[in-house]
Amino acid sequence: MNINILKFLLVILVGIILWFIPAPDGVDVKAWHLASVFIATVLGLILSPFPLGAMAIFSMTTVIALDLIRIKSALKGFGDTTIWMIACAFFISRGFIKTGFGRRVGYLFISKLGNSSLGLSYGLVMTDLIFAPAMPSTSARCGGIITPLFLSISNAYDSTPEKGTQNKIGAFLVQCIFQCNAITCAMFLTSMAGNPMIAKFVENMGYTISWTDWAKAAIVPGLLSLLLIPYILYKFFPPELKYTPEMKAIAKEKLKEMGKMTTNEWIVLGVFSYLVIFWVLGSFLKIDATFTAFVGLCILLLTRALDWNDVISEKEAWHTIIWFAILMTLASQLNTLGFIPWFGNYVAASVKGMNWMPMLLILLLVYFYVHYLMASAIAHISAMYVIFVSISIAAGAPPMLAILLFAFFSNLNMSITHYSSGPAPILFGCGYIPLAKWWKIGFFMSLVILLIWLIIGTAWWKAIGLF
């Protein structure tokens, strides 16, 4: 029997078992039954017998058939503003790739920093950082912009796995890209598709995270990480090739071949600048973030920098709309039926009297390293984010500190394995680093990342008043 069929049968079995377990005291039977389906859905996301969107549709159909949610209520999630903000960001990010603007920015950084392999790594990392605020698709950033740049550099120096010369420069660059991509994902609310889902979970818990709140809290440990990670990799896992003065000339030649910026590139740059400015100032100017995103998309369509075919062919965006809407509907209904409040009170009673600081540290470490068992950041967030934040707050941790810390760690843990995120199989699949070494570097760098975010980050969060 096909392994995926066995996984799917296991998911169904778990849901059935949970369904027939009597509801705990204080929990409505309907709420418990919905929780059973939700838990089985999360297990399905982790085991992945079917794509994430398909599992979400199976789940929605099940809760409607079992009369746990009426069909009109089940479909209301598709009108959620956060979902459409992130979808618009997906559509807009296609313009960076289509117009060649993303490649131009990468070559620009390389032309300035390309004298050494370390400088080249910073050029690639800076390219990722520049586009992260408006590109929630990490796969698009890595697969459409950064990886082609990295491969062109490696090929220029004849550093390829096929020739056994991957350690000249390619192996070093691929890990710099991979490790730093997790950091750029953690730095902005709009830099990874799961981050807006976190914001929605938080909203259901009675709190609010703005784009500015997230960026402000992440900026210091984030920038420090991007500064130190390439240097540390350069020292402990160095490339054979240290000096690359030819790369600056090659990058300048590539820019020369591209010619002057086209009209569409200028339009994409203008829309990108507009998005970042109004997402930063939106909470002060009372301008809705989703409206800002729709205006940006309209500009690209009106000027034909993008056409409608670009929009409808952006599969990852439509995929995100489906799973996001359904998961948010289920989570919201669990809150409405009283399951989430009951769980919060239950957790609060179980940790009463425990000091919040060691409790928070232990939970963060568990939350980080359990990602070794996960092949999806979305599944990890769906399964554990609310639980771990609820326990931390119940133990006395300052709510906003706990909310943001687990939000950051939901991204930072994507740097440990070759299956941990969308970019992981893209970069690992290039073949520059063997599996054992990939995991070794991932664990080593996880310690570096934890030290930066838990020590320097804590000092910064104290300074800005998070606790």
Protein backbone atom coordinates (compact mmCIF):
# COMPACT_ATOMS: atom_id res chain seq x y z
CA MET A 1 0.00 0.00 0.00
CA ASN A 2 1.22 3.52 -0.82
CA ILE A 3 2.96 5.18 2.16
CA ASN A 4 0.90 8.34 1.74
CA ILE A 5 -2.34 6.35 1.98
CA LEU A 6 -1.08 4.81 5.23
CA LYS A 7 -0.27 8.28 6.57
CA PHE A 8 -3.73 9.54 5.65
CA LEU A 9 -5.40 6.53 7.31
CA LEU A 10 -3.35 7.25 10.45
CA VAL A 11 -4.61 10.85 10.44
CA ILE A 12 -8.22 9.64 10.15
CA LEU A 13 -7.68 7.07 12.92
CA VAL A 14 -6.28 9.68 15.30
CA GLY A 15 -9.24 11.96 14.60
CA ILE A 16 -11.73 9.14 15.27
CA ILE A 17 -10.02 8.14 18.53
CA LEU A 18 -10.01 11.73 19.79
CA TRP A 19 -13.64 12.17 18.74
CA PHE A 20 -14.81 9.30 20.95
CA ILE A 21 -12.77 10.32 23.98
CA PRO A 22 -15.17 12.05 26.42
CA ALA A 23 -14.82 15.83 26.48
CA PRO A 24 -12.89 17.11 29.52
CA ASP A 25 -14.81 18.88 32.26
CA GLY A 26 -15.60 22.44 31.26
CA VAL A 27 -15.35 21.77 27.51
CA ASP A 28 -18.43 21.77 25.29
CA VAL A 29 -18.84 18.51 23.35
CA LYS A 30 -19.01 20.39 20.03
CA ALA A 31 -15.80 22.25 20.90
CA TRP A 32 -14.07 18.96 21.73
CA HIS A 33 -15.18 17.37 18.47
CA LEU A 34 -13.91 20.37 16.51
CA ALA A 35 -10.61 20.16 18.41
CA SER A 36 -10.38 16.49 17.41
CA VAL A 37 -10.65 17.38 13.74
CA PHE A 38 -8.20 20.27 14.16
CA ILE A 39 -5.60 18.08 15.88
CA ALA A 40 -5.96 15.45 13.17
CA THR A 41 -5.55 18.20 10.55
CA VAL A 42 -2.32 19.40 12.14
CA LEU A 43 -1.05 15.81 12.21
CA GLY A 44 -1.89 15.67 8.51
CA LEU A 45 0.14 18.82 7.90
CA ILE A 46 3.11 17.25 9.65
CA LEU A 47 2.90 13.85 7.91
CA SER A 48 1.93 15.44 4.56
CA PRO A 49 0.13 12.55 2.85
CA PHE A 50 -1.36 15.25 0.60
CA PRO A 51 -0.32 18.88 -0.06
CA LEU A 52 -1.14 21.35 2.69
CA GLY A 53 -3.99 22.97 0.76
CA ALA A 54 -5.61 19.61 0.05
CA MET A 55 -5.44 18.63 3.71
CA ALA A 56 -7.09 21.91 4.64
CA ILE A 57 -9.94 21.30 2.18
CA PHE A 58 -10.44 17.77 3.55
CA SER A 59 -10.65 19.27 7.03
CA MET A 60 -13.13 21.99 6.05
CA THR A 61 -15.37 19.48 4.28
CA THR A 62 -15.28 17.20 7.35
CA VAL A 63 -16.33 19.88 9.85
CA ILE A 64 -19.17 20.98 7.57
CA ALA A 65 -20.36 17.38 7.08
CA LEU A 66 -20.28 16.80 10.85
CA ASP A 67 -22.25 20.04 11.40
CA LEU A 68 -19.48 21.52 13.53
CA ILE A 69 -19.39 24.66 11.36
CA ARG A 70 -22.03 25.88 8.90
CA ILE A 71 -20.80 26.24 5.34
CA LYS A 72 -21.27 30.03 5.28
CA SER A 73 -19.18 30.36 8.45
CA ALA A 74 -16.55 27.98 7.05
CA LEU A 75 -16.12 30.15 3.98
CA LYS A 76 -15.94 33.46 5.86
CA GLY A 77 -12.22 32.96 6.38
CA PHE A 78 -11.63 33.65 2.69
CA GLY A 79 -12.64 37.25 3.35
CA ASP A 80 -10.00 37.78 6.03
CA THR A 81 -7.94 40.90 5.31
CA THR A 82 -4.64 39.39 6.49
CA ILE A 83 -4.96 36.56 3.97
CA TRP A 84 -5.39 38.98 1.08
CA MET A 85 -2.53 41.20 2.25
CA ILE A 86 -0.13 38.28 2.07
CA ALA A 87 -1.61 37.12 -1.26
CA CYS A 88 -1.07 40.57 -2.77
CA ALA A 89 2.51 40.53 -1.50
CA PHE A 90 3.02 37.21 -3.31
CA PHE A 91 1.67 38.70 -6.54
CA ILE A 92 3.77 41.85 -6.22
CA SER A 93 6.94 39.85 -5.51
CA ARG A 94 6.53 38.19 -8.91
CA GLY A 95 7.43 41.58 -10.39
CA PHE A 96 10.90 41.44 -8.81
CA ILE A 97 11.65 38.28 -10.76
CA LYS A 98 9.77 39.02 -13.99
CA THR A 99 11.34 42.44 -14.59
CA GLY A 100 14.86 41.33 -13.62
CA PHE A 101 14.96 43.95 -10.84
CA GLY A 102 15.88 41.32 -8.23
CA ARG A 103 18.82 40.08 -10.31
CA ARG A 104 19.96 43.66 -10.90
CA VAL A 105 20.04 44.39 -7.17
CA GLY A 106 22.03 41.21 -6.56
CA TYR A 107 24.63 42.11 -9.18
CA LEU A 108 24.81 45.62 -7.76
CA PHE A 109 25.73 44.31 -4.32
CA ILE A 110 28.23 41.86 -5.83
CA SER A 111 29.85 44.66 -7.85
CA LYS A 112 30.42 46.57 -4.62
CA LEU A 113 31.31 43.72 -2.23
CA GLY A 114 32.76 41.08 -4.55
CA ASN A 115 36.48 41.40 -3.78
CA SER A 116 36.40 38.34 -1.54
CA SER A 117 34.28 35.26 -0.94
CA LEU A 118 33.19 36.81 2.36
CA GLY A 119 32.17 39.98 0.56
CA LEU A 120 30.22 37.93 -1.98
CA SER A 121 28.34 36.20 0.83
CA TYR A 122 27.36 39.58 2.28
CA GLY A 123 26.21 40.70 -1.16
CA LEU A 124 23.87 37.70 -1.47
CA VAL A 125 22.62 38.13 2.09
CA MET A 126 21.94 41.83 1.55
CA THR A 127 19.96 40.98 -1.58
CA ASP A 128 17.78 38.62 0.45
CA LEU A 129 17.34 41.25 3.19
CA ILE A 130 16.33 43.96 0.73
CA PHE A 131 13.49 41.89 -0.74
CA ALA A 132 12.36 40.12 2.44
CA PRO A 133 9.86 42.80 3.63
CA ALA A 134 7.77 42.51 0.46
CA MET A 135 8.40 38.87 -0.56
CA PRO A 136 6.62 36.44 1.78
CA SER A 137 7.54 33.52 -0.45
CA THR A 138 10.90 32.32 0.82
CA SER A 139 10.98 29.81 -2.04
CA ALA A 140 10.55 32.63 -4.58
CA ARG A 141 13.29 34.71 -2.94
CA CYS A 142 15.73 31.82 -2.83
CA GLY A 143 14.68 30.00 -5.97
CA GLY A 144 13.95 32.99 -8.19
CA ILE A 145 16.57 35.54 -7.15
CA ILE A 146 19.31 34.33 -4.77
CA THR A 147 20.01 30.81 -6.06
CA PRO A 148 20.58 31.87 -9.70
CA LEU A 149 23.02 34.52 -8.46
CA PHE A 150 24.83 32.01 -6.25
CA LEU A 151 25.07 29.46 -9.07
CA SER A 152 26.43 32.04 -11.50
CA ILE A 153 29.18 32.93 -9.02
CA SER A 154 30.05 29.28 -8.38
CA ASN A 155 30.14 28.49 -12.08
CA ALA A 156 32.33 31.53 -12.75
CA TYR A 157 34.96 29.99 -10.44
CA ASP A 158 34.38 26.44 -11.71
CA SER A 159 33.13 25.41 -8.27
CA THR A 160 30.65 22.60 -8.91
CA PRO A 161 29.76 19.27 -7.26
CA GLU A 162 30.11 17.50 -10.62
CA LYS A 163 33.81 18.39 -10.76
CA GLY A 164 34.43 17.86 -7.04
CA THR A 165 35.35 21.52 -6.65
CA GLN A 166 32.34 22.57 -4.56
CA ASN A 167 34.51 23.63 -1.63
CA LYS A 168 36.26 26.34 -3.66
CA ILE A 169 33.43 28.76 -2.94
CA GLY A 170 30.01 27.21 -3.67
CA ALA A 171 29.63 25.19 -0.44
CA PHE A 172 30.43 28.25 1.66
CA LEU A 173 28.00 30.50 -0.20
CA VAL A 174 25.11 28.03 -0.10
CA GLN A 175 25.25 27.77 3.69
CA CYS A 176 25.52 31.54 4.10
CA ILE A 177 22.36 31.92 2.02
CA PHE A 178 20.53 29.15 3.89
CA GLN A 179 21.43 30.27 7.41
CA CYS A 180 20.75 33.95 6.75
CA ASN A 181 17.45 33.28 4.99
CA ALA A 182 16.03 32.05 8.31
CA ILE A 183 17.09 35.37 9.84
CA THR A 184 15.48 37.54 7.16
CA CYS A 185 12.29 35.47 7.52
CA ALA A 186 12.25 36.26 11.25
CA MET A 187 12.78 40.00 10.80
CA PHE A 188 9.49 41.06 9.19
CA LEU A 189 5.81 40.22 9.51
CA THR A 190 5.63 39.94 5.72
CA SER A 191 8.83 38.00 5.01
CA MET A 192 7.45 34.47 5.52
CA ALA A 193 3.97 33.16 4.73
CA GLY A 194 3.50 31.75 8.24
CA ASN A 195 4.12 35.07 10.00
CA PRO A 196 0.71 36.62 9.22
CA MET A 197 -0.84 33.38 10.48
CA ILE A 198 0.95 33.99 13.77
CA ALA A 199 -0.45 37.53 13.84
CA LYS A 200 -3.95 36.09 13.35
CA PHE A 201 -3.48 33.54 16.13
CA VAL A 202 -2.33 36.37 18.39
CA GLU A 203 -5.39 38.43 17.46
CA ASN A 204 -7.63 35.52 18.47
CA MET A 205 -5.83 35.50 21.82
CA GLY A 206 -6.72 39.15 22.35
CA TYR A 207 -3.41 40.78 21.38
CA THR A 208 -2.16 42.71 18.36
CA ILE A 209 1.17 42.72 16.49
CA SER A 210 1.75 45.48 13.96
CA TRP A 211 4.29 45.34 11.14
CA THR A 212 6.30 47.99 13.00
CA ASP A 213 6.18 46.17 16.36
CA TRP A 214 7.58 43.03 14.75
CA ALA A 215 10.33 44.79 12.80
CA LYS A 216 11.36 46.96 15.76
CA ALA A 217 11.79 43.96 18.06
CA ALA A 218 13.71 41.93 15.45
CA ILE A 219 15.96 44.60 13.95
CA VAL A 220 18.92 44.49 16.38
CA PRO A 221 19.36 40.70 16.81
CA GLY A 222 18.46 40.27 13.14
CA LEU A 223 21.07 42.64 11.72
CA LEU A 224 23.71 41.36 14.15
CA SER A 225 22.98 37.80 13.01
CA LEU A 226 23.32 38.76 9.34
CA LEU A 227 26.63 40.44 10.14
CA LEU A 228 28.10 37.57 12.18
CA ILE A 229 26.83 34.41 10.48
CA PRO A 230 28.82 34.73 7.21
CA TYR A 231 31.95 35.67 9.17
CA ILE A 232 31.57 32.69 11.54
CA LEU A 233 30.99 30.32 8.62
CA TYR A 234 34.04 31.87 6.91
CA LYS A 235 36.17 31.06 9.97
CA PHE A 236 34.85 27.58 10.86
CA PHE A 237 33.79 26.27 7.43
CA PRO A 238 36.01 28.36 5.13
CA PRO A 239 36.02 28.33 1.34
CA GLU A 240 39.22 27.37 -0.42
CA LEU A 241 39.00 30.56 -2.48
CA LYS A 242 39.42 33.66 -0.35
CA TYR A 243 39.91 36.48 -2.85
CA THR A 244 37.61 37.03 -5.81
CA PRO A 245 38.50 40.42 -7.39
CA GLU A 246 37.28 39.20 -10.80
CA MET A 247 33.72 38.91 -9.47
CA LYS A 248 33.30 42.65 -9.19
CA ALA A 249 34.21 43.01 -12.85
CA ILE A 250 31.90 40.15 -13.84
CA ALA A 251 29.00 41.70 -11.93
CA LYS A 252 29.64 45.07 -13.55
CA GLU A 253 29.65 43.39 -16.95
CA LYS A 254 26.34 41.69 -16.16
CA LEU A 255 24.86 45.05 -15.15
CA LYS A 256 26.20 46.53 -18.38
CA GLU A 257 24.51 43.74 -20.36
CA MET A 258 21.23 44.46 -18.58
CA GLY A 259 21.49 48.10 -19.58
CA LYS A 260 19.69 50.93 -17.89
CA MET A 261 16.78 50.16 -15.62
CA THR A 262 13.64 49.59 -17.65
CA THR A 263 10.40 51.43 -17.01
CA ASN A 264 8.93 48.31 -15.44
CA GLU A 265 11.90 47.99 -13.08
CA TRP A 266 11.40 51.58 -11.94
CA ILE A 267 7.72 50.85 -11.37
CA VAL A 268 8.56 47.75 -9.32
CA LEU A 269 11.08 49.76 -7.29
CA GLY A 270 8.47 52.47 -6.69
CA VAL A 271 5.83 49.97 -5.57
CA PHE A 272 8.35 48.19 -3.32
CA SER A 273 9.30 51.50 -1.66
CA TYR A 274 5.64 52.46 -1.29
CA LEU A 275 4.78 49.14 0.39
CA VAL A 276 7.57 49.31 2.95
CA ILE A 277 6.88 52.98 3.78
CA PHE A 278 3.15 52.52 4.29
CA TRP A 279 3.47 49.22 6.13
CA VAL A 280 5.84 50.97 8.53
CA LEU A 281 3.68 54.11 8.88
CA GLY A 282 0.30 52.44 8.44
CA SER A 283 -0.46 52.09 12.15
CA PHE A 284 0.28 55.79 12.67
CA LEU A 285 -1.60 57.02 9.59
CA LYS A 286 -4.52 54.62 10.15
CA ILE A 287 -4.05 53.08 6.70
CA ASP A 288 -4.98 49.41 6.46
CA ALA A 289 -2.05 47.15 5.47
CA THR A 290 -4.22 45.09 3.11
CA PHE A 291 -5.46 48.21 1.33
CA THR A 292 -1.83 49.28 0.92
CA ALA A 293 -1.02 45.92 -0.70
CA PHE A 294 -4.01 46.10 -3.06
CA VAL A 295 -3.01 49.57 -4.22
CA GLY A 296 0.51 48.32 -4.97
CA LEU A 297 -0.88 45.41 -6.98
CA CYS A 298 -3.22 47.74 -8.89
CA ILE A 299 -0.31 49.99 -9.86
CA LEU A 300 1.62 47.03 -11.27
CA LEU A 301 -1.42 45.82 -13.23
CA LEU A 302 -2.37 49.26 -14.53
CA THR A 303 1.16 49.94 -15.73
CA ARG A 304 1.44 46.37 -17.14
CA ALA A 305 4.57 45.71 -15.12
CA LEU A 306 2.52 42.62 -14.27
CA ASP A 307 -0.34 41.18 -16.29
CA TRP A 308 -3.28 39.12 -15.08
CA ASN A 309 -1.65 35.89 -16.22
CA ASP A 310 1.17 36.59 -13.75
CA VAL A 311 -1.41 36.86 -10.98
CA ILE A 312 -3.37 33.71 -11.78
CA SER A 313 -0.20 31.68 -12.37
CA GLU A 314 1.22 32.54 -8.90
CA LYS A 315 0.36 29.10 -7.51
CA GLU A 316 1.95 29.59 -4.11
CA ALA A 317 -0.25 32.63 -3.43
CA TRP A 318 -3.50 30.79 -4.24
CA HIS A 319 -2.27 27.81 -2.26
CA THR A 320 -1.65 30.10 0.72
CA ILE A 321 -5.11 31.66 0.47
CA ILE A 322 -6.74 28.22 0.72
CA TRP A 323 -4.84 26.76 3.66
CA PHE A 324 -4.64 30.08 5.52
CA ALA A 325 -8.39 30.74 5.30
CA ILE A 326 -9.37 27.26 6.43
CA LEU A 327 -6.90 26.97 9.31
CA MET A 328 -7.83 30.42 10.57
CA THR A 329 -11.53 29.55 10.42
CA LEU A 330 -10.99 26.40 12.47
CA ALA A 331 -8.81 28.20 15.03
CA SER A 332 -11.29 31.07 15.33
CA GLN A 333 -14.21 28.68 15.85
CA LEU A 334 -12.28 26.81 18.54
CA ASN A 335 -11.91 30.13 20.34
CA THR A 336 -15.59 31.01 19.89
CA LEU A 337 -16.71 27.63 21.25
CA GLY A 338 -14.52 28.13 24.33
CA PHE A 339 -11.84 25.49 23.73
CA ILE A 340 -8.91 27.95 23.60
CA PRO A 341 -9.98 29.85 26.78
CA TRP A 342 -10.45 26.50 28.56
CA PHE A 343 -7.02 25.35 27.47
CA GLY A 344 -5.46 28.62 28.62
CA ASN A 345 -7.05 28.32 32.06
CA TYR A 346 -6.00 24.67 32.32
CA VAL A 347 -2.41 25.54 31.48
CA ALA A 348 -2.44 28.48 33.90
CA ALA A 349 -3.44 26.16 36.74
CA SER A 350 -0.79 23.57 35.85
CA VAL A 351 2.13 26.03 35.94
CA LYS A 352 0.95 28.17 38.83
CA GLY A 353 3.85 29.23 41.03
CA MET A 354 6.62 28.51 38.49
CA ASN A 355 9.04 31.30 37.61
CA TRP A 356 8.42 32.50 34.08
CA MET A 357 12.02 33.10 32.98
CA PRO A 358 13.39 29.53 33.17
CA MET A 359 10.03 28.23 31.96
CA LEU A 360 10.19 30.49 28.89
CA LEU A 361 13.79 29.49 28.12
CA ILE A 362 13.01 25.77 28.32
CA LEU A 363 9.93 26.15 26.14
CA LEU A 364 11.84 28.16 23.54
CA LEU A 365 14.57 25.51 23.30
CA VAL A 366 11.99 22.73 22.96
CA TYR A 367 10.06 24.74 20.37
CA PHE A 368 13.25 25.41 18.40
CA TYR A 369 14.68 21.89 18.29
CA VAL A 370 11.42 20.01 17.82
CA HIS A 371 11.62 21.40 14.28
CA TYR A 372 13.94 18.48 13.54
CA LEU A 373 10.68 16.51 13.36
CA MET A 374 8.97 19.02 11.07
CA ALA A 375 9.10 19.42 7.30
CA SER A 376 7.01 22.58 7.33
CA ALA A 377 7.16 25.83 9.27
CA ILE A 378 3.40 26.18 8.74
CA ALA A 379 2.72 22.79 10.34
CA HIS A 380 5.00 23.68 13.25
CA ILE A 381 3.22 26.97 13.84
CA SER A 382 -0.24 25.39 13.49
CA ALA A 383 0.59 22.61 15.93
CA MET A 384 2.53 24.41 18.63
CA TYR A 385 2.55 28.20 18.52
CA VAL A 386 -0.63 28.91 20.50
CA ILE A 387 0.12 26.13 23.01
CA PHE A 388 3.65 27.32 23.80
CA VAL A 389 2.67 30.98 23.99
CA SER A 390 -0.28 30.16 26.25
CA ILE A 391 1.92 28.17 28.64
CA SER A 392 4.49 30.99 28.76
CA ILE A 393 1.92 33.68 29.47
CA ALA A 394 0.25 31.48 32.08
CA ALA A 395 3.63 31.09 33.79
CA GLY A 396 3.85 34.87 34.08
CA ALA A 397 5.92 35.81 31.03
CA PRO A 398 5.14 39.29 29.63
CA PRO A 399 2.60 38.55 26.87
CA MET A 400 4.17 40.58 24.07
CA LEU A 401 7.64 39.19 24.82
CA ALA A 402 6.37 35.61 24.65
CA ILE A 403 4.32 36.31 21.52
CA LEU A 404 7.26 37.81 19.63
CA LEU A 405 9.88 35.33 20.85
CA PHE A 406 7.93 32.32 19.64
CA ALA A 407 7.16 34.21 16.42
CA PHE A 408 10.88 34.76 15.80
CA PHE A 409 11.76 31.17 16.72
CA SER A 410 9.11 29.92 14.28
CA ASN A 411 11.48 31.21 11.57
CA LEU A 412 14.92 30.83 13.14
CA ASN A 413 14.51 27.06 13.45
CA MET A 414 14.26 26.73 9.65
CA SER A 415 18.07 26.70 9.41
CA ILE A 416 18.78 23.27 10.90
CA THR A 417 17.86 20.58 8.34
CA HIS A 418 17.65 20.02 4.60
CA TYR A 419 13.85 19.72 4.75
CA SER A 420 13.01 22.43 7.29
CA SER A 421 11.58 25.07 4.92
CA GLY A 422 10.88 25.88 1.29
CA PRO A 423 14.45 27.08 0.51
CA ALA A 424 16.03 24.04 2.22
CA PRO A 425 15.45 21.46 -0.53
CA ILE A 426 16.20 24.08 -3.20
CA LEU A 427 19.63 24.85 -1.78
CA PHE A 428 20.47 21.35 -0.55
CA GLY A 429 19.41 19.99 -3.93
CA CYS A 430 22.21 21.96 -5.59
CA GLY A 431 24.49 19.24 -4.18
CA TYR A 432 27.26 21.39 -2.73
CA ILE A 433 27.19 19.97 0.80
CA PRO A 434 26.68 16.30 1.85
CA LEU A 435 23.84 15.53 4.24
CA ALA A 436 25.94 14.81 7.35
CA LYS A 437 27.86 18.06 6.99
CA TRP A 438 24.63 20.00 6.32
CA TRP A 439 23.20 18.80 9.64
CA LYS A 440 26.50 19.43 11.44
CA ILE A 441 26.60 23.05 10.25
CA GLY A 442 22.89 23.45 11.01
CA PHE A 443 23.33 22.40 14.63
CA PHE A 444 26.49 24.43 15.11
CA MET A 445 24.87 27.56 13.71
CA SER A 446 21.72 26.98 15.75
CA LEU A 447 23.83 27.51 18.88
CA VAL A 448 25.19 30.76 17.43
CA ILE A 449 21.70 31.98 16.53
CA LEU A 450 20.32 31.11 19.97
CA LEU A 451 23.14 32.97 21.71
CA ILE A 452 22.60 36.10 19.62
CA TRP A 453 18.82 36.18 19.96
CA LEU A 454 18.66 35.15 23.64
CA ILE A 455 21.49 37.36 24.90
CA ILE A 456 21.71 40.41 22.63
CA GLY A 457 18.03 40.12 21.81
CA THR A 458 17.01 40.06 25.46
CA ALA A 459 19.01 43.22 26.18
CA TRP A 460 17.36 44.94 23.21
CA TRP A 461 13.84 43.82 24.20
CA LYS A 462 14.45 45.09 27.71
CA ALA A 463 15.59 48.43 26.28
CA ILE A 464 12.42 48.85 24.18
CA GLY A 465 10.16 47.89 27.05
CA LEU A 466 8.90 44.44 26.12
CA PHE A 467 9.47 43.38 29.74
